[in-house]
Amino acid sequence: MRLGLSTYAYAWAIGIPGYPPAQPMDAPVFIQRAADLGVGVVQIADNLPLHRLAAAEQDHLSAQAQSLGLQVEVGTRGIAPDHLRTYLELAQRFESPILRVVVDTADHHPSPEEVVALLRPLMPDFERAGITLAIENHDRFKVRALVGIFAALVGAPVGICLDTVNSFGAGEGPEVVVETLGPYVVNLHIKDFTIRRHRHMLGFEVEGTPAGQGMLNVPWMMEQLHGMGRDCNAILETWPPPEPELIRTIEKED
């Protein structure tokens, strides 16, 4: 297991719709920042989409990561077949062992059955490439639905990119997520959090914290995954709550 950094650790610095930074962080700056922090892996996700770079820029980025001793993991959003084929080629180009994917896009929210129907014909391509498709648990899919997808694709190079917070969107906390999806984990997002009541006491708010400073029991999680024989890269992500000024929020990401 190697410790890594996701582009979603710098979501505010890179840019969130409606919150444009004065000088958005680009991929080369992100890679250098990761190297300066001493991690061994970078995960370049859909907030810095690799397919929008020219081939020469992709080659330069790959060479930069290699020169700094960083392994690159490629990520994207959406499971349209042509899109996944494009990103499978990018994963090969960057020598990424996985392709992390979030199923939903703004205009496509497939059912579990549709997910299986779209992915099954692509699995031989992933098999030949030696790359595992890492589906992230992301909001609406309950863990049992994800297990059903993996059962339908049994034997294929597909697993879970386990995010420790996202399944709150489906009403499920880290314990049930780890215990249920643990056997399928091929990639891990460590994202710490805290939950507290609103000041008016009617409802709760979930906020990100630096890893190890929130409610996520990281030692328990790692023990559970090791006990299930899982040995994958652990990628840090953050959800810093916004400050009144964007520059102050960006400073919190460091």
C-alpha atoms as a PDB file:
ATOM      1  CA  MET A   1       0.000   0.000   0.000  1.00  0.00           C
ATOM      2  CA  ARG A   2       1.282   3.441  -0.958  1.00  0.00           C
ATOM      3  CA  LEU A   3      -0.009   6.813   0.166  1.00  0.00           C
ATOM      4  CA  GLY A   4      -1.232   9.096  -2.589  1.00  0.00           C
ATOM      5  CA  LEU A   5      -2.907  12.405  -3.283  1.00  0.00           C
ATOM      6  CA  SER A   6      -5.997  13.032  -5.402  1.00  0.00           C
ATOM      7  CA  THR A   7      -6.763  16.130  -7.409  1.00  0.00           C
ATOM      8  CA  TYR A   8      -9.825  16.263  -5.157  1.00  0.00           C
ATOM      9  CA  ALA A   9      -7.476  17.141  -2.302  1.00  0.00           C
ATOM     10  CA  TYR A  10      -7.184  20.491  -4.092  1.00  0.00           C
ATOM     11  CA  ALA A  11     -10.706  20.871  -5.446  1.00  0.00           C
ATOM     12  CA  TRP A  12     -10.980  24.534  -4.439  1.00  0.00           C
ATOM     13  CA  ALA A  13      -7.549  25.411  -5.849  1.00  0.00           C
ATOM     14  CA  ILE A  14      -8.319  23.638  -9.126  1.00  0.00           C
ATOM     15  CA  GLY A  15     -11.755  25.191  -9.361  1.00  0.00           C
ATOM     16  CA  ILE A  16     -15.323  24.293  -8.482  1.00  0.00           C
ATOM     17  CA  PRO A  17     -18.206  25.524 -10.684  1.00  0.00           C
ATOM     18  CA  GLY A  18     -19.259  28.896  -9.369  1.00  0.00           C
ATOM     19  CA  TYR A  19     -16.034  29.378  -7.397  1.00  0.00           C
ATOM     20  CA  PRO A  20     -13.295  30.142  -9.951  1.00  0.00           C
ATOM     21  CA  PRO A  21      -9.858  30.775  -8.388  1.00  0.00           C
ATOM     22  CA  ALA A  22      -7.751  33.635  -9.718  1.00  0.00           C
ATOM     23  CA  GLN A  23      -4.970  31.207 -10.706  1.00  0.00           C
ATOM     24  CA  PRO A  24      -6.366  27.679 -11.002  1.00  0.00           C
ATOM     25  CA  MET A  25      -3.993  24.866 -10.118  1.00  0.00           C
ATOM     26  CA  ASP A  26      -3.129  22.845 -13.224  1.00  0.00           C
ATOM     27  CA  ALA A  27      -1.890  19.269 -13.494  1.00  0.00           C
ATOM     28  CA  PRO A  28       1.882  20.007 -13.537  1.00  0.00           C
ATOM     29  CA  VAL A  29       1.575  22.175 -10.417  1.00  0.00           C
ATOM     30  CA  PHE A  30      -0.499  19.482  -8.703  1.00  0.00           C
ATOM     31  CA  ILE A  31       2.091  16.815  -9.484  1.00  0.00           C
ATOM     32  CA  GLN A  32       4.911  18.978  -8.164  1.00  0.00           C
ATOM     33  CA  ARG A  33       2.907  19.712  -5.006  1.00  0.00           C
ATOM     34  CA  ALA A  34       2.384  15.984  -4.427  1.00  0.00           C
ATOM     35  CA  ALA A  35       6.094  15.326  -4.857  1.00  0.00           C
ATOM     36  CA  ASP A  36       6.930  18.126  -2.418  1.00  0.00           C
ATOM     37  CA  LEU A  37       4.619  16.512   0.141  1.00  0.00           C
ATOM     38  CA  GLY A  38       6.444  13.199  -0.206  1.00  0.00           C
ATOM     39  CA  VAL A  39       3.627  10.932  -1.377  1.00  0.00           C
ATOM     40  CA  GLY A  40       4.247   8.154  -3.884  1.00  0.00           C
ATOM     41  CA  VAL A  41       1.049   8.261  -5.955  1.00  0.00           C
ATOM     42  CA  VAL A  42      -1.108  10.890  -7.650  1.00  0.00           C
ATOM     43  CA  GLN A  43      -4.668  10.272  -8.748  1.00  0.00           C
ATOM     44  CA  ILE A  44      -5.691  12.653 -11.530  1.00  0.00           C
ATOM     45  CA  ALA A  45      -9.475  12.672 -11.492  1.00  0.00           C
ATOM     46  CA  ASP A  46     -12.290  14.264 -13.453  1.00  0.00           C
ATOM     47  CA  ASN A  47     -11.730  17.755 -12.046  1.00  0.00           C
ATOM     48  CA  LEU A  48      -8.494  17.842 -14.112  1.00  0.00           C
ATOM     49  CA  PRO A  49      -9.679  15.810 -17.128  1.00  0.00           C
ATOM     50  CA  LEU A  50      -6.727  14.296 -18.950  1.00  0.00           C
ATOM     51  CA  HIS A  51      -8.558  13.852 -22.254  1.00  0.00           C
ATOM     52  CA  ARG A  52      -8.662  17.637 -22.696  1.00  0.00           C
ATOM     53  CA  LEU A  53      -4.866  17.819 -22.835  1.00  0.00           C
ATOM     54  CA  ALA A  54      -3.018  17.558 -26.129  1.00  0.00           C
ATOM     55  CA  ALA A  55      -0.946  14.419 -26.633  1.00  0.00           C
ATOM     56  CA  ALA A  56       2.278  16.368 -26.100  1.00  0.00           C
ATOM     57  CA  GLU A  57       0.935  17.733 -22.804  1.00  0.00           C
ATOM     58  CA  GLN A  58      -0.027  14.229 -21.702  1.00  0.00           C
ATOM     59  CA  ASP A  59       3.463  12.953 -22.501  1.00  0.00           C
ATOM     60  CA  HIS A  60       5.058  15.855 -20.622  1.00  0.00           C
ATOM     61  CA  LEU A  61       2.861  15.184 -17.595  1.00  0.00           C
ATOM     62  CA  SER A  62       3.695  11.481 -17.608  1.00  0.00           C
ATOM     63  CA  ALA A  63       7.409  12.244 -17.897  1.00  0.00           C
ATOM     64  CA  GLN A  64       7.172  14.768 -15.050  1.00  0.00           C
ATOM     65  CA  ALA A  65       5.543  12.212 -12.757  1.00  0.00           C
ATOM     66  CA  GLN A  66       8.123   9.564 -13.628  1.00  0.00           C
ATOM     67  CA  SER A  67      11.008  11.962 -13.023  1.00  0.00           C
ATOM     68  CA  LEU A  68       9.616  12.702  -9.554  1.00  0.00           C
ATOM     69  CA  GLY A  69       9.093   9.028  -8.741  1.00  0.00           C
ATOM     70  CA  LEU A  70       5.305   9.284  -8.724  1.00  0.00           C
ATOM     71  CA  GLN A  71       2.905   6.597  -9.873  1.00  0.00           C
ATOM     72  CA  VAL A  72      -0.106   8.017 -11.719  1.00  0.00           C
ATOM     73  CA  GLU A  73      -3.635   6.714 -11.275  1.00  0.00           C
ATOM     74  CA  VAL A  74      -6.137   7.896 -13.875  1.00  0.00           C
ATOM     75  CA  GLY A  75      -9.709   8.818 -13.011  1.00  0.00           C
ATOM     76  CA  THR A  76     -12.810   9.970 -14.835  1.00  0.00           C
ATOM     77  CA  ARG A  77     -16.578  10.334 -14.626  1.00  0.00           C
ATOM     78  CA  GLY A  78     -19.146   8.548 -16.774  1.00  0.00           C
ATOM     79  CA  ILE A  79     -19.363   5.042 -18.220  1.00  0.00           C
ATOM     80  CA  ALA A  80     -20.341   5.681 -21.833  1.00  0.00           C
ATOM     81  CA  PRO A  81     -18.393   3.034 -23.792  1.00  0.00           C
ATOM     82  CA  ASP A  82     -16.494   5.425 -26.064  1.00  0.00           C
ATOM     83  CA  HIS A  83     -15.552   7.567 -23.081  1.00  0.00           C
ATOM     84  CA  LEU A  84     -14.263   4.582 -21.126  1.00  0.00           C
ATOM     85  CA  ARG A  85     -12.265   3.385 -24.126  1.00  0.00           C
ATOM     86  CA  THR A  86     -10.631   6.815 -24.334  1.00  0.00           C
ATOM     87  CA  TYR A  87      -9.721   6.657 -20.677  1.00  0.00           C
ATOM     88  CA  LEU A  88      -8.529   3.085 -20.879  1.00  0.00           C
ATOM     89  CA  GLU A  89      -6.032   4.293 -23.487  1.00  0.00           C
ATOM     90  CA  LEU A  90      -5.040   7.143 -21.177  1.00  0.00           C
ATOM     91  CA  ALA A  91      -4.578   4.729 -18.290  1.00  0.00           C
ATOM     92  CA  GLN A  92      -2.242   2.697 -20.486  1.00  0.00           C
ATOM     93  CA  ARG A  93      -0.399   5.845 -21.554  1.00  0.00           C
ATOM     94  CA  PHE A  94       0.194   6.832 -17.923  1.00  0.00           C
ATOM     95  CA  GLU A  95       0.884   3.227 -16.830  1.00  0.00           C
ATOM     96  CA  SER A  96      -1.983   3.440 -14.366  1.00  0.00           C
ATOM     97  CA  PRO A  97      -2.917   0.087 -12.795  1.00  0.00           C
ATOM     98  CA  ILE A  98      -6.523   1.208 -12.351  1.00  0.00           C
ATOM     99  CA  LEU A  99      -9.106   3.431 -13.981  1.00  0.00           C
ATOM    100  CA  ARG A 100     -11.165   5.035 -11.229  1.00  0.00           C
ATOM    101  CA  VAL A 101     -14.643   5.983 -12.396  1.00  0.00           C
ATOM    102  CA  VAL A 102     -17.684   7.732 -10.971  1.00  0.00           C
ATOM    103  CA  VAL A 103     -20.716   6.225 -12.693  1.00  0.00           C
ATOM    104  CA  ASP A 104     -23.046   9.217 -12.800  1.00  0.00           C
ATOM    105  CA  THR A 105     -22.729  12.303 -14.965  1.00  0.00           C
ATOM    106  CA  ALA A 106     -24.992  15.345 -15.003  1.00  0.00           C
ATOM    107  CA  ASP A 107     -27.266  13.756 -17.617  1.00  0.00           C
ATOM    108  CA  HIS A 108     -26.787  10.009 -17.131  1.00  0.00           C
ATOM    109  CA  HIS A 109     -27.834   8.130 -13.996  1.00  0.00           C
ATOM    110  CA  PRO A 110     -27.921   4.471 -15.018  1.00  0.00           C
ATOM    111  CA  SER A 111     -29.573   1.716 -13.018  1.00  0.00           C
ATOM    112  CA  PRO A 112     -27.389  -1.112 -11.683  1.00  0.00           C
ATOM    113  CA  GLU A 113     -28.630  -3.288 -14.537  1.00  0.00           C
ATOM    114  CA  GLU A 114     -27.637  -0.671 -17.105  1.00  0.00           C
ATOM    115  CA  VAL A 115     -24.226  -0.313 -15.468  1.00  0.00           C
ATOM    116  CA  VAL A 116     -23.641  -4.040 -15.940  1.00  0.00           C
ATOM    117  CA  ALA A 117     -24.920  -3.963 -19.523  1.00  0.00           C
ATOM    118  CA  LEU A 118     -22.580  -1.090 -20.413  1.00  0.00           C
ATOM    119  CA  LEU A 119     -19.510  -2.471 -18.673  1.00  0.00           C
ATOM    120  CA  ARG A 120     -19.663  -6.165 -19.552  1.00  0.00           C
ATOM    121  CA  PRO A 121     -18.651  -5.758 -23.248  1.00  0.00           C
ATOM    122  CA  LEU A 122     -15.669  -3.614 -22.187  1.00  0.00           C
ATOM    123  CA  MET A 123     -14.225  -6.047 -19.677  1.00  0.00           C
ATOM    124  CA  PRO A 124     -12.138  -7.998 -22.239  1.00  0.00           C
ATOM    125  CA  ASP A 125     -10.440  -4.716 -23.204  1.00  0.00           C
ATOM    126  CA  PHE A 126      -9.538  -4.047 -19.573  1.00  0.00           C
ATOM    127  CA  GLU A 127      -8.367  -7.641 -19.192  1.00  0.00           C
ATOM    128  CA  ARG A 128      -6.039  -7.352 -22.179  1.00  0.00           C
ATOM    129  CA  ALA A 129      -4.694  -4.027 -20.913  1.00  0.00           C
ATOM    130  CA  GLY A 130      -4.043  -5.394 -17.428  1.00  0.00           C
ATOM    131  CA  ILE A 131      -6.015  -2.518 -15.909  1.00  0.00           C
ATOM    132  CA  THR A 132      -8.714  -2.770 -13.238  1.00  0.00           C
ATOM    133  CA  LEU A 133     -11.844  -0.633 -13.415  1.00  0.00           C
ATOM    134  CA  ALA A 134     -12.318   0.914  -9.956  1.00  0.00           C
ATOM    135  CA  ILE A 135     -15.938   2.025  -9.514  1.00  0.00           C
ATOM    136  CA  GLU A 136     -16.278   4.649  -6.796  1.00  0.00           C
ATOM    137  CA  ASN A 137     -19.130   4.398  -4.309  1.00  0.00           C
ATOM    138  CA  HIS A 138     -20.682   7.754  -5.012  1.00  0.00           C
ATOM    139  CA  ASP A 139     -23.865   9.005  -3.389  1.00  0.00           C
ATOM    140  CA  ARG A 140     -26.979   7.228  -4.621  1.00  0.00           C
ATOM    141  CA  PHE A 141     -25.841   3.592  -4.978  1.00  0.00           C
ATOM    142  CA  LYS A 142     -26.268   1.614  -1.774  1.00  0.00           C
ATOM    143  CA  VAL A 143     -23.504  -0.860  -1.043  1.00  0.00           C
ATOM    144  CA  ARG A 144     -25.719  -3.872  -1.762  1.00  0.00           C
ATOM    145  CA  ALA A 145     -26.436  -2.512  -5.240  1.00  0.00           C
ATOM    146  CA  LEU A 146     -22.690  -2.216  -5.853  1.00  0.00           C
ATOM    147  CA  VAL A 147     -22.143  -5.771  -4.622  1.00  0.00           C
ATOM    148  CA  GLY A 148     -24.798  -6.860  -7.115  1.00  0.00           C
ATOM    149  CA  ILE A 149     -22.885  -5.173  -9.930  1.00  0.00           C
ATOM    150  CA  PHE A 150     -19.687  -6.991  -8.973  1.00  0.00           C
ATOM    151  CA  ALA A 151     -21.542 -10.298  -8.678  1.00  0.00           C
ATOM    152  CA  ALA A 152     -22.897  -9.841 -12.203  1.00  0.00           C
ATOM    153  CA  LEU A 153     -19.359  -9.122 -13.458  1.00  0.00           C
ATOM    154  CA  VAL A 154     -17.655 -11.849 -11.434  1.00  0.00           C
ATOM    155  CA  GLY A 155     -14.234 -12.739 -12.815  1.00  0.00           C
ATOM    156  CA  ALA A 156     -13.869  -9.411 -14.623  1.00  0.00           C
ATOM    157  CA  PRO A 157     -11.149  -6.857 -13.752  1.00  0.00           C
ATOM    158  CA  VAL A 158     -13.478  -4.602 -11.771  1.00  0.00           C
ATOM    159  CA  GLY A 159     -13.653  -3.578  -8.124  1.00  0.00           C
ATOM    160  CA  ILE A 160     -14.509  -0.740  -5.794  1.00  0.00           C
ATOM    161  CA  CYS A 161     -12.746   2.543  -5.255  1.00  0.00           C
ATOM    162  CA  LEU A 162     -13.886   2.823  -1.654  1.00  0.00           C
ATOM    163  CA  ASP A 163     -14.607   6.375  -0.537  1.00  0.00           C
ATOM    164  CA  THR A 164     -15.064   6.738   3.196  1.00  0.00           C
ATOM    165  CA  VAL A 165     -17.661   9.542   3.054  1.00  0.00           C
ATOM    166  CA  ASN A 166     -19.566   9.417  -0.243  1.00  0.00           C
ATOM    167  CA  SER A 167     -22.077   6.785   0.837  1.00  0.00           C
ATOM    168  CA  PHE A 168     -23.594   9.185   3.359  1.00  0.00           C
ATOM    169  CA  GLY A 169     -25.481  10.278   0.243  1.00  0.00           C
ATOM    170  CA  ALA A 170     -27.154   6.857   0.256  1.00  0.00           C
ATOM    171  CA  GLY A 171     -27.714   6.908   4.025  1.00  0.00           C
ATOM    172  CA  GLU A 172     -24.804   4.572   4.816  1.00  0.00           C
ATOM    173  CA  GLY A 173     -21.786   5.255   7.031  1.00  0.00           C
ATOM    174  CA  PRO A 174     -18.168   4.055   6.849  1.00  0.00           C
ATOM    175  CA  GLU A 175     -18.685   0.923   8.944  1.00  0.00           C
ATOM    176  CA  VAL A 176     -21.265  -0.691   6.659  1.00  0.00           C
ATOM    177  CA  VAL A 177     -19.367   0.518   3.590  1.00  0.00           C
ATOM    178  CA  VAL A 178     -16.065  -1.028   4.691  1.00  0.00           C
ATOM    179  CA  GLU A 179     -17.588  -4.247   6.002  1.00  0.00           C
ATOM    180  CA  THR A 180     -19.698  -4.824   2.869  1.00  0.00           C
ATOM    181  CA  LEU A 181     -17.457  -3.517   0.093  1.00  0.00           C
ATOM    182  CA  GLY A 182     -14.114  -4.422   1.677  1.00  0.00           C
ATOM    183  CA  PRO A 183     -13.662  -7.677  -0.272  1.00  0.00           C
ATOM    184  CA  TYR A 184     -13.962  -5.751  -3.557  1.00  0.00           C
ATOM    185  CA  VAL A 185     -11.611  -2.851  -2.748  1.00  0.00           C
ATOM    186  CA  VAL A 186      -8.947  -2.087  -5.364  1.00  0.00           C
ATOM    187  CA  ASN A 187      -8.443   1.575  -4.442  1.00  0.00           C
ATOM    188  CA  LEU A 188      -9.106   3.622  -1.316  1.00  0.00           C
ATOM    189  CA  HIS A 189     -10.061   7.255  -0.756  1.00  0.00           C
ATOM    190  CA  ILE A 190      -9.258   8.413   2.760  1.00  0.00           C
ATOM    191  CA  LYS A 191     -11.530  11.360   3.417  1.00  0.00           C
ATOM    192  CA  ASP A 192     -12.069  12.321   7.052  1.00  0.00           C
ATOM    193  CA  PHE A 193     -15.153  14.105   8.330  1.00  0.00           C
ATOM    194  CA  THR A 194     -17.095  15.392  11.283  1.00  0.00           C
ATOM    195  CA  ILE A 195     -20.854  15.443  11.838  1.00  0.00           C
ATOM    196  CA  ARG A 196     -22.573  17.951  14.092  1.00  0.00           C
ATOM    197  CA  ARG A 197     -25.975  19.458  14.593  1.00  0.00           C
ATOM    198  CA  HIS A 198     -26.910  22.767  13.074  1.00  0.00           C
ATOM    199  CA  ARG A 199     -27.020  25.595  15.569  1.00  0.00           C
ATOM    200  CA  HIS A 200     -30.810  25.519  15.402  1.00  0.00           C
ATOM    201  CA  MET A 201     -30.592  21.784  16.341  1.00  0.00           C
ATOM    202  CA  LEU A 202     -32.832  20.738  13.444  1.00  0.00           C
ATOM    203  CA  GLY A 203     -30.641  18.490  11.341  1.00  0.00           C
ATOM    204  CA  PHE A 204     -26.954  17.748  10.885  1.00  0.00           C
ATOM    205  CA  GLU A 205     -24.098  18.980   8.740  1.00  0.00           C
ATOM    206  CA  VAL A 206     -21.206  16.888   7.432  1.00  0.00           C
ATOM    207  CA  GLU A 207     -17.876  18.651   6.967  1.00  0.00           C
ATOM    208  CA  GLY A 208     -14.453  17.492   5.918  1.00  0.00           C
ATOM    209  CA  THR A 209     -11.461  17.534   8.262  1.00  0.00           C
ATOM    210  CA  PRO A 210      -7.761  16.785   7.805  1.00  0.00           C
ATOM    211  CA  ALA A 211      -7.119  13.035   7.856  1.00  0.00           C
ATOM    212  CA  GLY A 212      -6.910  11.743  11.410  1.00  0.00           C
ATOM    213  CA  GLN A 213      -8.648  14.753  12.945  1.00  0.00           C
ATOM    214  CA  GLY A 214     -12.256  13.749  12.386  1.00  0.00           C
ATOM    215  CA  MET A 215     -14.602  10.856  13.087  1.00  0.00           C
ATOM    216  CA  LEU A 216     -13.127   8.384  10.601  1.00  0.00           C
ATOM    217  CA  ASN A 217     -11.503   5.482  12.449  1.00  0.00           C
ATOM    218  CA  VAL A 218      -8.569   5.028  10.092  1.00  0.00           C
ATOM    219  CA  PRO A 219      -6.740   2.314  12.125  1.00  0.00           C
ATOM    220  CA  TRP A 220      -9.933   0.223  12.302  1.00  0.00           C
ATOM    221  CA  MET A 221     -10.546   0.632   8.583  1.00  0.00           C
ATOM    222  CA  MET A 222      -7.010  -0.381   7.655  1.00  0.00           C
ATOM    223  CA  GLU A 223      -7.207  -3.393   9.978  1.00  0.00           C
ATOM    224  CA  GLN A 224     -10.465  -4.471   8.351  1.00  0.00           C
ATOM    225  CA  LEU A 225      -9.096  -4.159   4.829  1.00  0.00           C
ATOM    226  CA  HIS A 226      -5.853  -5.948   5.651  1.00  0.00           C
ATOM    227  CA  GLY A 227      -7.897  -8.738   7.230  1.00  0.00           C
ATOM    228  CA  MET A 228      -9.755  -9.107   3.939  1.00  0.00           C
ATOM    229  CA  GLY A 229      -6.483  -9.362   2.022  1.00  0.00           C
ATOM    230  CA  ARG A 230      -6.812  -5.915   0.462  1.00  0.00           C
ATOM    231  CA  ASP A 231      -3.546  -4.114  -0.325  1.00  0.00           C
ATOM    232  CA  CYS A 232      -4.225  -1.068  -2.477  1.00  0.00           C
ATOM    233  CA  ASN A 233      -3.072   2.517  -2.665  1.00  0.00           C
ATOM    234  CA  ALA A 234      -4.608   4.895  -0.125  1.00  0.00           C
ATOM    235  CA  ILE A 235      -5.454   8.220  -1.752  1.00  0.00           C
ATOM    236  CA  LEU A 236      -6.042  11.338   0.338  1.00  0.00           C
ATOM    237  CA  GLU A 237      -8.980  13.594  -0.485  1.00  0.00           C
ATOM    238  CA  THR A 238     -10.373  16.536   1.480  1.00  0.00           C
ATOM    239  CA  TRP A 239     -13.624  18.426   1.880  1.00  0.00           C
ATOM    240  CA  PRO A 240     -12.530  21.744   3.430  1.00  0.00           C
ATOM    241  CA  PRO A 241     -15.581  23.813   4.393  1.00  0.00           C
ATOM    242  CA  PRO A 242     -15.582  27.155   2.577  1.00  0.00           C
ATOM    243  CA  GLU A 243     -14.430  30.393   4.152  1.00  0.00           C
ATOM    244  CA  PRO A 244     -15.961  33.788   3.268  1.00  0.00           C
ATOM    245  CA  GLU A 245     -13.009  34.437   0.923  1.00  0.00           C
ATOM    246  CA  LEU A 246     -12.025  31.792  -1.642  1.00  0.00           C
ATOM    247  CA  ILE A 247      -8.308  32.395  -1.119  1.00  0.00           C
ATOM    248  CA  ARG A 248      -8.713  31.491   2.581  1.00  0.00           C
ATOM    249  CA  THR A 249     -10.472  28.255   1.610  1.00  0.00           C
ATOM    250  CA  ILE A 250      -7.665  27.366  -0.805  1.00  0.00           C
ATOM    251  CA  GLU A 251      -5.100  27.979   1.923  1.00  0.00           C
ATOM    252  CA  LYS A 252      -6.861  25.374   4.095  1.00  0.00           C
ATOM    253  CA  GLU A 253      -6.216  22.687   1.470  1.00  0.00           C
ATOM    254  CA  ASP A 254      -2.503  22.851   2.276  1.00  0.00           C
END
